[in-house]
Amino acid sequence: MNGDGHKPPSGWRIAVLGGGAWGTALALAMLRADHFVRLYARDPETV
């Protein structure tokens, strides 16, 4: 665990390019599977 009480991800480091419906769904699924996810989108408000 780190200082804020959360366990760091133990899976892969994944980058998702695109913040549309598929990109956000994929990012959320990978996050729930305990992977580190970075989501990139054209519109900063999406992220």
PDB file of N, CA and C in Angstrom:
ATOM      1  N   MET A   1       0.832  -1.188   0.000  1.00  0.00           N
ATOM      2  CA  MET A   1       0.000   0.000   0.000  1.00  0.00           C
ATOM      3  C   MET A   1       0.872   1.246   0.000  1.00  0.00           C
ATOM      4  N   ASN A   2       0.341   2.292  -0.599  1.00  0.00           N
ATOM      5  CA  ASN A   2       1.074   3.551  -0.552  1.00  0.00           C
ATOM      6  C   ASN A   2       0.519   4.414   0.576  1.00  0.00           C
ATOM      7  N   GLY A   3       0.975   5.637   0.700  1.00  0.00           N
ATOM      8  CA  GLY A   3       0.640   6.498   1.827  1.00  0.00           C
ATOM      9  C   GLY A   3      -0.833   6.840   1.988  1.00  0.00           C
ATOM     10  N   ASP A   4      -1.607   6.797   0.902  1.00  0.00           N
ATOM     11  CA  ASP A   4      -3.021   7.169   1.033  1.00  0.00           C
ATOM     12  C   ASP A   4      -3.927   5.973   1.300  1.00  0.00           C
ATOM     13  N   GLY A   5      -3.352   4.804   1.551  1.00  0.00           N
ATOM     14  CA  GLY A   5      -4.137   3.630   1.906  1.00  0.00           C
ATOM     15  C   GLY A   5      -4.625   2.803   0.731  1.00  0.00           C
ATOM     16  N   HIS A   6      -4.295   3.207  -0.492  1.00  0.00           N
ATOM     17  CA  HIS A   6      -4.714   2.445  -1.657  1.00  0.00           C
ATOM     18  C   HIS A   6      -3.602   1.514  -2.110  1.00  0.00           C
ATOM     19  N   LYS A   7      -3.979   0.327  -2.505  1.00  0.00           N
ATOM     20  CA  LYS A   7      -3.015  -0.628  -3.034  1.00  0.00           C
ATOM     21  C   LYS A   7      -2.656  -0.230  -4.465  1.00  0.00           C
ATOM     22  N   PRO A   8      -1.369  -0.154  -4.802  1.00  0.00           N
ATOM     23  CA  PRO A   8      -1.003   0.184  -6.176  1.00  0.00           C
ATOM     24  C   PRO A   8      -1.396  -0.946  -7.123  1.00  0.00           C
ATOM     25  N   PRO A   9      -1.678  -0.626  -8.390  1.00  0.00           N
ATOM     26  CA  PRO A   9      -2.035  -1.667  -9.345  1.00  0.00           C
ATOM     27  C   PRO A   9      -0.921  -2.691  -9.488  1.00  0.00           C
ATOM     28  N   SER A  10      -1.307  -3.944  -9.645  1.00  0.00           N
ATOM     29  CA  SER A  10      -0.306  -5.002  -9.756  1.00  0.00           C
ATOM     30  C   SER A  10      -0.226  -5.572 -11.161  1.00  0.00           C
ATOM     31  N   GLY A  11      -1.056  -5.082 -12.063  1.00  0.00           N
ATOM     32  CA  GLY A  11      -1.101  -5.623 -13.415  1.00  0.00           C
ATOM     33  C   GLY A  11      -0.234  -4.856 -14.386  1.00  0.00           C
ATOM     34  N   TRP A  12      -0.666  -4.861 -15.631  1.00  0.00           N
ATOM     35  CA  TRP A  12       0.058  -4.196 -16.709  1.00  0.00           C
ATOM     36  C   TRP A  12      -0.147  -2.694 -16.664  1.00  0.00           C
ATOM     37  N   ARG A  13       0.746  -1.973 -17.359  1.00  0.00           N
ATOM     38  CA  ARG A  13       0.582  -0.530 -17.578  1.00  0.00           C
ATOM     39  C   ARG A  13      -0.023  -0.389 -18.976  1.00  0.00           C
ATOM     40  N   ILE A  14      -1.224   0.182 -19.056  1.00  0.00           N
ATOM     41  CA  ILE A  14      -1.977   0.234 -20.303  1.00  0.00           C
ATOM     42  C   ILE A  14      -2.295   1.677 -20.658  1.00  0.00           C
ATOM     43  N   ALA A  15      -2.093   2.028 -21.931  1.00  0.00           N
ATOM     44  CA  ALA A  15      -2.496   3.338 -22.446  1.00  0.00           C
ATOM     45  C   ALA A  15      -3.663   3.127 -23.395  1.00  0.00           C
ATOM     46  N   VAL A  16      -4.735   3.881 -23.189  1.00  0.00           N
ATOM     47  CA  VAL A  16      -5.902   3.825 -24.065  1.00  0.00           C
ATOM     48  C   VAL A  16      -5.953   5.141 -24.823  1.00  0.00           C
ATOM     49  N   LEU A  17      -5.924   5.059 -26.146  1.00  0.00           N
ATOM     50  CA  LEU A  17      -5.958   6.249 -26.992  1.00  0.00           C
ATOM     51  C   LEU A  17      -7.375   6.436 -27.511  1.00  0.00           C
ATOM     52  N   GLY A  18      -8.040   7.457 -27.025  1.00  0.00           N
ATOM     53  CA  GLY A  18      -9.408   7.747 -27.442  1.00  0.00           C
ATOM     54  C   GLY A  18     -10.354   7.675 -26.264  1.00  0.00           C
ATOM     55  N   GLY A  19     -11.063   8.762 -26.027  1.00  0.00           N
ATOM     56  CA  GLY A  19     -11.953   8.835 -24.883  1.00  0.00           C
ATOM     57  C   GLY A  19     -13.416   8.691 -25.239  1.00  0.00           C
ATOM     58  N   GLY A  20     -13.703   8.036 -26.362  1.00  0.00           N
ATOM     59  CA  GLY A  20     -15.100   7.800 -26.731  1.00  0.00           C
ATOM     60  C   GLY A  20     -15.692   6.675 -25.894  1.00  0.00           C
ATOM     61  N   ALA A  21     -16.829   6.173 -26.337  1.00  0.00           N
ATOM     62  CA  ALA A  21     -17.530   5.126 -25.588  1.00  0.00           C
ATOM     63  C   ALA A  21     -16.668   3.877 -25.422  1.00  0.00           C
ATOM     64  N   TRP A  22     -16.024   3.429 -26.486  1.00  0.00           N
ATOM     65  CA  TRP A  22     -15.198   2.222 -26.407  1.00  0.00           C
ATOM     66  C   TRP A  22     -13.943   2.453 -25.583  1.00  0.00           C
ATOM     67  N   GLY A  23     -13.307   3.608 -25.760  1.00  0.00           N
ATOM     68  CA  GLY A  23     -12.082   3.893 -25.014  1.00  0.00           C
ATOM     69  C   GLY A  23     -12.307   3.972 -23.520  1.00  0.00           C
ATOM     70  N   THR A  24     -13.369   4.661 -23.111  1.00  0.00           N
ATOM     71  CA  THR A  24     -13.640   4.773 -21.679  1.00  0.00           C
ATOM     72  C   THR A  24     -14.091   3.442 -21.095  1.00  0.00           C
ATOM     73  N   ALA A  25     -14.867   2.663 -21.851  1.00  0.00           N
ATOM     74  CA  ALA A  25     -15.291   1.344 -21.370  1.00  0.00           C
ATOM     75  C   ALA A  25     -14.085   0.423 -21.197  1.00  0.00           C
ATOM     76  N   LEU A  26     -13.171   0.449 -22.161  1.00  0.00           N
ATOM     77  CA  LEU A  26     -11.970  -0.379 -22.073  1.00  0.00           C
ATOM     78  C   LEU A  26     -11.097   0.056 -20.905  1.00  0.00           C
ATOM     79  N   ALA A  27     -10.916   1.360 -20.744  1.00  0.00           N
ATOM     80  CA  ALA A  27     -10.100   1.866 -19.638  1.00  0.00           C
ATOM     81  C   ALA A  27     -10.692   1.458 -18.294  1.00  0.00           C
ATOM     82  N   LEU A  28     -11.994   1.564 -18.144  1.00  0.00           N
ATOM     83  CA  LEU A  28     -12.650   1.194 -16.893  1.00  0.00           C
ATOM     84  C   LEU A  28     -12.533  -0.302 -16.623  1.00  0.00           C
ATOM     85  N   ALA A  29     -12.698  -1.121 -17.659  1.00  0.00           N
ATOM     86  CA  ALA A  29     -12.571  -2.570 -17.492  1.00  0.00           C
ATOM     87  C   ALA A  29     -11.153  -2.948 -17.067  1.00  0.00           C
ATOM     88  N   MET A  30     -10.152  -2.330 -17.670  1.00  0.00           N
ATOM     89  CA  MET A  30      -8.769  -2.633 -17.314  1.00  0.00           C
ATOM     90  C   MET A  30      -8.435  -2.130 -15.913  1.00  0.00           C
ATOM     91  N   LEU A  31      -8.980  -0.986 -15.532  1.00  0.00           N
ATOM     92  CA  LEU A  31      -8.773  -0.451 -14.189  1.00  0.00           C
ATOM     93  C   LEU A  31      -9.371  -1.385 -13.141  1.00  0.00           C
ATOM     94  N   ARG A  32     -10.561  -1.889 -13.412  1.00  0.00           N
ATOM     95  CA  ARG A  32     -11.213  -2.825 -12.489  1.00  0.00           C
ATOM     96  C   ARG A  32     -10.479  -4.157 -12.407  1.00  0.00           C
ATOM     97  N   ALA A  33      -9.714  -4.487 -13.456  1.00  0.00           N
ATOM     98  CA  ALA A  33      -8.917  -5.715 -13.461  1.00  0.00           C
ATOM     99  C   ALA A  33      -7.552  -5.490 -12.822  1.00  0.00           C
ATOM    100  N   ASP A  34      -7.380  -4.366 -12.122  1.00  0.00           N
ATOM    101  CA  ASP A  34      -6.173  -4.040 -11.358  1.00  0.00           C
ATOM    102  C   ASP A  34      -4.958  -3.733 -12.225  1.00  0.00           C
ATOM    103  N   HIS A  35      -5.196  -3.072 -13.368  1.00  0.00           N
ATOM    104  CA  HIS A  35      -4.107  -2.609 -14.221  1.00  0.00           C
ATOM    105  C   HIS A  35      -3.965  -1.098 -14.060  1.00  0.00           C
ATOM    106  N   PHE A  36      -2.771  -0.581 -14.292  1.00  0.00           N
ATOM    107  CA  PHE A  36      -2.537   0.862 -14.306  1.00  0.00           C
ATOM    108  C   PHE A  36      -2.956   1.363 -15.681  1.00  0.00           C
ATOM    109  N   VAL A  37      -3.889   2.295 -15.728  1.00  0.00           N
ATOM    110  CA  VAL A  37      -4.438   2.762 -17.003  1.00  0.00           C
ATOM    111  C   VAL A  37      -4.234   4.260 -17.147  1.00  0.00           C
ATOM    112  N   ARG A  38      -3.782   4.662 -18.318  1.00  0.00           N
ATOM    113  CA  ARG A  38      -3.697   6.077 -18.666  1.00  0.00           C
ATOM    114  C   ARG A  38      -4.567   6.278 -19.903  1.00  0.00           C
ATOM    115  N   LEU A  39      -5.538   7.181 -19.795  1.00  0.00           N
ATOM    116  CA  LEU A  39      -6.491   7.444 -20.874  1.00  0.00           C
ATOM    117  C   LEU A  39      -6.130   8.759 -21.552  1.00  0.00           C
ATOM    118  N   TYR A  40      -5.951   8.715 -22.859  1.00  0.00           N
ATOM    119  CA  TYR A  40      -5.655   9.910 -23.644  1.00  0.00           C
ATOM    120  C   TYR A  40      -6.855  10.225 -24.529  1.00  0.00           C
ATOM    121  N   ALA A  41      -7.283  11.487 -24.512  1.00  0.00           N
ATOM    122  CA  ALA A  41      -8.414  11.910 -25.332  1.00  0.00           C
ATOM    123  C   ALA A  41      -8.128  13.289 -25.912  1.00  0.00           C
ATOM    124  N   ARG A  42      -8.756  13.575 -27.023  1.00  0.00           N
ATOM    125  CA  ARG A  42      -8.570  14.869 -27.675  1.00  0.00           C
ATOM    126  C   ARG A  42      -9.110  15.999 -26.808  1.00  0.00           C
ATOM    127  N   ASP A  43     -10.276  15.789 -26.203  1.00  0.00           N
ATOM    128  CA  ASP A  43     -10.924  16.808 -25.371  1.00  0.00           C
ATOM    129  C   ASP A  43     -10.528  16.604 -23.910  1.00  0.00           C
ATOM    130  N   PRO A  44      -9.836  17.567 -23.286  1.00  0.00           N
ATOM    131  CA  PRO A  44      -9.381  17.397 -21.901  1.00  0.00           C
ATOM    132  C   PRO A  44     -10.515  17.172 -20.905  1.00  0.00           C
ATOM    133  N   GLU A  45     -11.724  17.639 -21.210  1.00  0.00           N
ATOM    134  CA  GLU A  45     -12.842  17.444 -20.290  1.00  0.00           C
ATOM    135  C   GLU A  45     -13.286  15.984 -20.228  1.00  0.00           C
ATOM    136  N   THR A  46     -12.959  15.200 -21.245  1.00  0.00           N
ATOM    137  CA  THR A  46     -13.316  13.783 -21.257  1.00  0.00           C
ATOM    138  C   THR A  46     -12.560  13.030 -20.185  1.00  0.00           C
ATOM    139  N   VAL A  47     -11.308  13.375 -20.023  1.00  0.00           N
ATOM    140  CA  VAL A  47     -10.458  12.683 -19.057  1.00  0.00           C
ATOM    141  C   VAL A  47     -10.708  13.267 -17.701  1.00  0.00           C
TER     142      VAL A  47
END
